Every structure is written in structure tokens, then in C-alpha cells.
Amino acid sequence: MDKCNDIIAHIRMEERYQGLSLVFDKHAELKSEICSVIDEVKAETGQTPFIFEKISNDRADLHAIYIEFRDDIHREGGEFLTKVLQKLNIDKCEKDT
């Protein structure tokens, strides 16, 4: 089942940086699912990206979990981000942010 309507994915790539935000709009069950998938991919890949969440009680667009690879010289973070998107059944990202 495609989750693109429930979880909005935004990807950002720059020199030596890759980031993915997953916006879930105040849905605790989606947040839990995202966190579980991230933990699963961390265990599979051995990678440990910088992960943080931004939660706002006033704005739905600020209910998100962010995954970032900083100083990623060899672009190894792409595999991690791809696996997260695949496991969450997200087949497209909205736009670069």
C-alpha cells in the first residue's frame, strides 16, 4: 500500500550532505512506524545517520522526522534513505526542500 498520502517525503542533496524529512501530520502510529523502520535499516546497514524530530502543536507540516548524513563524502547515505522509503512504501518525494 502506497503511503505517499500519509507520509510526505522531502529529499535534499547537496555536496557531502543528504537529508530526508518524513512529515506525518500528528499521527502517532505513523511516527512509531517511521521510527521502527529507521531502527530496522540502521541494524541492516550499520549506518548511524543524524536523526531528529520536529514537532509543533500549531502546524501540521512541522510533525516530521529528519534523517541526515552530513559530510557524506562517498554518498553512502543514499542506500539508507532508499531503504527507509521502500520499507515505508513511499515511491515518490514531493520536492526538494
N, C-alpha and C. Protein backbone atom coordinates (compact mmCIF):
# COMPACT_ATOMS: atom_id res chain seq x y z
N MET A 1 0.84 -1.19 0.00
CA MET A 1 0.00 0.00 0.00
C MET A 1 0.88 1.25 0.00
N ASP A 2 0.62 2.15 -0.90
CA ASP A 2 1.35 3.40 -1.04
C ASP A 2 1.02 4.33 0.13
N LYS A 3 2.05 4.83 0.79
CA LYS A 3 1.84 5.71 1.94
C LYS A 3 2.11 7.17 1.60
N CYS A 4 2.22 7.50 0.33
CA CYS A 4 2.57 8.87 -0.08
C CYS A 4 1.54 9.90 0.38
N ASN A 5 0.29 9.49 0.61
CA ASN A 5 -0.72 10.43 1.09
C ASN A 5 -0.66 10.62 2.60
N ASP A 6 -0.07 9.67 3.31
CA ASP A 6 0.02 9.73 4.76
C ASP A 6 1.33 10.30 5.25
N ILE A 7 2.41 9.98 4.56
CA ILE A 7 3.74 10.45 4.91
C ILE A 7 4.30 11.19 3.71
N ILE A 8 4.56 12.46 3.88
CA ILE A 8 5.11 13.27 2.79
C ILE A 8 6.63 13.29 2.93
N ALA A 9 7.30 12.81 1.92
CA ALA A 9 8.76 12.73 1.94
C ALA A 9 9.36 13.89 1.14
N HIS A 10 10.38 14.50 1.73
CA HIS A 10 11.14 15.56 1.07
C HIS A 10 12.61 15.15 1.13
N ILE A 11 13.29 15.24 0.02
CA ILE A 11 14.71 14.89 -0.02
C ILE A 11 15.52 16.12 -0.36
N ARG A 12 16.69 16.19 0.23
CA ARG A 12 17.59 17.30 -0.06
C ARG A 12 19.00 16.74 -0.19
N MET A 13 19.66 17.12 -1.27
CA MET A 13 21.02 16.66 -1.50
C MET A 13 21.88 17.85 -1.89
N GLU A 14 23.00 17.93 -1.25
CA GLU A 14 24.00 18.95 -1.55
C GLU A 14 25.35 18.26 -1.53
N GLU A 15 26.36 19.02 -1.77
CA GLU A 15 27.70 18.46 -1.72
C GLU A 15 27.97 17.93 -0.31
N ARG A 16 28.26 16.64 -0.21
CA ARG A 16 28.60 15.97 1.04
C ARG A 16 27.45 15.96 2.06
N TYR A 17 26.22 16.17 1.61
CA TYR A 17 25.07 16.18 2.51
C TYR A 17 23.88 15.50 1.82
N GLN A 18 23.16 14.68 2.57
CA GLN A 18 21.91 14.10 2.10
C GLN A 18 20.93 14.13 3.26
N GLY A 19 19.72 14.52 2.99
CA GLY A 19 18.73 14.57 4.05
C GLY A 19 17.36 14.17 3.55
N LEU A 20 16.59 13.56 4.43
CA LEU A 20 15.24 13.14 4.12
C LEU A 20 14.35 13.55 5.29
N SER A 21 13.26 14.25 4.99
CA SER A 21 12.28 14.54 6.02
C SER A 21 11.01 13.77 5.70
N LEU A 22 10.40 13.25 6.75
CA LEU A 22 9.17 12.47 6.62
C LEU A 22 8.11 13.15 7.48
N VAL A 23 7.18 13.84 6.82
CA VAL A 23 6.15 14.61 7.50
C VAL A 23 4.92 13.72 7.67
N PHE A 24 4.42 13.63 8.91
CA PHE A 24 3.34 12.69 9.18
C PHE A 24 2.11 13.30 9.84
N ASP A 25 2.03 14.56 10.04
CA ASP A 25 0.82 15.27 10.46
C ASP A 25 0.12 14.72 11.71
N LYS A 26 0.80 14.75 12.83
CA LYS A 26 0.23 14.43 14.16
C LYS A 26 -0.29 13.01 14.32
N HIS A 27 0.14 12.08 13.51
CA HIS A 27 -0.32 10.69 13.63
C HIS A 27 0.71 9.88 14.39
N ALA A 28 0.41 9.57 15.64
CA ALA A 28 1.35 8.85 16.50
C ALA A 28 1.72 7.48 15.92
N GLU A 29 0.75 6.80 15.29
CA GLU A 29 1.04 5.48 14.74
C GLU A 29 2.01 5.57 13.56
N LEU A 30 1.92 6.64 12.78
CA LEU A 30 2.87 6.82 11.68
C LEU A 30 4.26 7.14 12.22
N LYS A 31 4.32 7.96 13.24
CA LYS A 31 5.61 8.28 13.86
C LYS A 31 6.26 7.00 14.37
N SER A 32 5.50 6.16 15.03
CA SER A 32 6.02 4.90 15.55
C SER A 32 6.52 4.01 14.42
N GLU A 33 5.76 3.94 13.33
CA GLU A 33 6.16 3.12 12.19
C GLU A 33 7.46 3.65 11.57
N ILE A 34 7.55 4.95 11.41
CA ILE A 34 8.77 5.56 10.84
C ILE A 34 9.97 5.23 11.72
N CYS A 35 9.83 5.40 13.02
CA CYS A 35 10.94 5.13 13.95
C CYS A 35 11.35 3.67 13.89
N SER A 36 10.39 2.77 13.80
CA SER A 36 10.70 1.33 13.72
C SER A 36 11.47 1.01 12.44
N VAL A 37 11.03 1.59 11.33
CA VAL A 37 11.72 1.36 10.06
C VAL A 37 13.14 1.91 10.11
N ILE A 38 13.32 3.08 10.67
CA ILE A 38 14.67 3.66 10.79
C ILE A 38 15.56 2.74 11.60
N ASP A 39 15.06 2.24 12.73
CA ASP A 39 15.85 1.33 13.56
C ASP A 39 16.20 0.05 12.80
N GLU A 40 15.26 -0.45 12.03
CA GLU A 40 15.48 -1.66 11.23
C GLU A 40 16.58 -1.43 10.19
N VAL A 41 16.52 -0.30 9.51
CA VAL A 41 17.52 -0.01 8.47
C VAL A 41 18.88 0.26 9.10
N LYS A 42 18.91 0.88 10.26
CA LYS A 42 20.18 1.07 10.97
C LYS A 42 20.82 -0.27 11.28
N ALA A 43 20.02 -1.23 11.74
CA ALA A 43 20.53 -2.56 12.05
C ALA A 43 21.02 -3.28 10.79
N GLU A 44 20.31 -3.12 9.68
CA GLU A 44 20.69 -3.78 8.42
C GLU A 44 21.97 -3.21 7.83
N THR A 45 22.10 -1.89 7.87
CA THR A 45 23.21 -1.24 7.18
C THR A 45 24.41 -0.93 8.07
N GLY A 46 24.19 -0.84 9.37
CA GLY A 46 25.26 -0.44 10.27
C GLY A 46 25.53 1.06 10.23
N GLN A 47 24.73 1.78 9.49
CA GLN A 47 24.91 3.23 9.39
C GLN A 47 24.16 3.93 10.52
N THR A 48 24.70 5.05 10.94
CA THR A 48 24.09 5.81 12.03
C THR A 48 23.96 7.28 11.64
N PRO A 49 22.95 7.60 10.85
CA PRO A 49 22.75 8.99 10.45
C PRO A 49 22.28 9.82 11.65
N PHE A 50 22.33 11.13 11.48
CA PHE A 50 21.80 12.06 12.46
C PHE A 50 20.28 12.07 12.28
N ILE A 51 19.55 11.75 13.34
CA ILE A 51 18.09 11.66 13.27
C ILE A 51 17.49 12.56 14.34
N PHE A 52 16.54 13.38 13.94
CA PHE A 52 15.85 14.23 14.92
C PHE A 52 14.42 14.44 14.46
N GLU A 53 13.61 14.88 15.40
CA GLU A 53 12.21 15.16 15.05
C GLU A 53 11.89 16.60 15.36
N LYS A 54 10.95 17.11 14.61
CA LYS A 54 10.46 18.47 14.80
C LYS A 54 8.96 18.36 14.94
N ILE A 55 8.46 18.73 16.10
CA ILE A 55 7.04 18.59 16.40
C ILE A 55 6.48 19.95 16.80
N SER A 56 5.35 20.31 16.21
CA SER A 56 4.67 21.56 16.55
C SER A 56 3.21 21.25 16.85
N ASN A 57 2.67 21.85 17.88
CA ASN A 57 1.25 21.68 18.17
C ASN A 57 0.38 22.57 17.31
N ASP A 58 0.99 23.55 16.64
CA ASP A 58 0.25 24.52 15.85
C ASP A 58 0.27 24.25 14.35
N ARG A 59 1.30 23.57 13.86
CA ARG A 59 1.46 23.39 12.41
C ARG A 59 1.62 21.91 12.06
N ALA A 60 0.74 21.43 11.19
CA ALA A 60 0.80 20.03 10.77
C ALA A 60 2.07 19.73 9.98
N ASP A 61 2.58 20.72 9.25
CA ASP A 61 3.78 20.49 8.44
C ASP A 61 5.04 20.40 9.28
N LEU A 62 4.92 20.63 10.57
CA LEU A 62 6.07 20.50 11.45
C LEU A 62 5.94 19.29 12.38
N HIS A 63 5.37 18.26 11.87
CA HIS A 63 5.37 16.96 12.53
C HIS A 63 6.18 16.04 11.63
N ALA A 64 7.46 16.03 11.87
CA ALA A 64 8.34 15.32 10.94
C ALA A 64 9.53 14.71 11.65
N ILE A 65 10.05 13.68 11.02
CA ILE A 65 11.30 13.08 11.44
C ILE A 65 12.29 13.32 10.31
N TYR A 66 13.48 13.75 10.69
CA TYR A 66 14.53 14.08 9.74
C TYR A 66 15.68 13.08 9.86
N ILE A 67 16.18 12.66 8.73
CA ILE A 67 17.34 11.77 8.67
C ILE A 67 18.39 12.51 7.85
N GLU A 68 19.57 12.71 8.43
CA GLU A 68 20.61 13.47 7.72
C GLU A 68 21.95 12.75 7.75
N PHE A 69 22.63 12.83 6.63
CA PHE A 69 24.01 12.38 6.51
C PHE A 69 24.83 13.63 6.21
N ARG A 70 25.64 14.01 7.15
CA ARG A 70 26.49 15.19 6.99
C ARG A 70 27.91 14.73 6.70
N ASP A 71 28.58 15.47 5.87
CA ASP A 71 29.95 15.16 5.49
C ASP A 71 30.03 13.76 4.87
N ASP A 72 29.05 13.43 4.04
CA ASP A 72 28.94 12.13 3.39
C ASP A 72 29.71 12.16 2.07
N ILE A 73 31.02 12.09 2.18
CA ILE A 73 31.91 12.24 1.03
C ILE A 73 31.62 11.20 -0.06
N HIS A 74 31.37 9.96 0.33
CA HIS A 74 31.20 8.88 -0.64
C HIS A 74 29.75 8.57 -0.95
N ARG A 75 28.84 9.41 -0.51
CA ARG A 75 27.41 9.27 -0.80
C ARG A 75 26.87 7.91 -0.36
N GLU A 76 27.29 7.44 0.78
CA GLU A 76 26.83 6.16 1.29
C GLU A 76 25.44 6.25 1.91
N GLY A 77 24.99 7.44 2.23
CA GLY A 77 23.68 7.61 2.86
C GLY A 77 22.53 7.32 1.93
N GLY A 78 22.74 7.38 0.64
CA GLY A 78 21.66 7.16 -0.32
C GLY A 78 21.01 5.80 -0.17
N GLU A 79 21.80 4.79 0.09
CA GLU A 79 21.27 3.44 0.28
C GLU A 79 20.34 3.41 1.50
N PHE A 80 20.75 4.05 2.57
CA PHE A 80 19.95 4.10 3.79
C PHE A 80 18.61 4.77 3.51
N LEU A 81 18.65 5.94 2.89
CA LEU A 81 17.42 6.68 2.61
C LEU A 81 16.50 5.90 1.68
N THR A 82 17.06 5.24 0.69
CA THR A 82 16.27 4.43 -0.24
C THR A 82 15.58 3.29 0.49
N LYS A 83 16.30 2.62 1.37
CA LYS A 83 15.72 1.50 2.13
C LYS A 83 14.57 1.98 3.01
N VAL A 84 14.75 3.14 3.65
CA VAL A 84 13.68 3.68 4.50
C VAL A 84 12.44 3.95 3.66
N LEU A 85 12.61 4.59 2.52
CA LEU A 85 11.47 4.88 1.65
C LEU A 85 10.79 3.60 1.17
N GLN A 86 11.57 2.61 0.79
CA GLN A 86 11.00 1.36 0.30
C GLN A 86 10.20 0.65 1.40
N LYS A 87 10.76 0.59 2.60
CA LYS A 87 10.09 -0.11 3.70
C LYS A 87 8.82 0.61 4.15
N LEU A 88 8.77 1.93 3.94
CA LEU A 88 7.57 2.69 4.27
C LEU A 88 6.58 2.74 3.11
N ASN A 89 6.93 2.09 2.00
CA ASN A 89 6.08 2.07 0.79
C ASN A 89 5.83 3.48 0.25
N ILE A 90 6.89 4.26 0.23
CA ILE A 90 6.84 5.60 -0.34
C ILE A 90 7.60 5.54 -1.65
N ASP A 91 6.91 5.81 -2.75
CA ASP A 91 7.55 5.67 -4.06
C ASP A 91 7.85 7.01 -4.72
N LYS A 92 7.61 8.12 -4.02
CA LYS A 92 7.96 9.42 -4.58
C LYS A 92 8.16 10.42 -3.46
N CYS A 93 8.95 11.42 -3.75
CA CYS A 93 9.15 12.52 -2.82
C CYS A 93 8.46 13.74 -3.41
N GLU A 94 7.96 14.60 -2.55
CA GLU A 94 7.21 15.78 -3.00
C GLU A 94 8.09 16.73 -3.80
N LYS A 95 9.19 17.16 -3.20
CA LYS A 95 10.07 18.12 -3.85
C LYS A 95 11.30 18.28 -2.99
N ASP A 96 12.31 18.89 -3.54
CA ASP A 96 13.49 19.22 -2.75
C ASP A 96 13.13 20.36 -1.81
N THR A 97 13.70 20.33 -0.61
CA THR A 97 13.45 21.41 0.33
C THR A 97 14.75 22.09 0.69
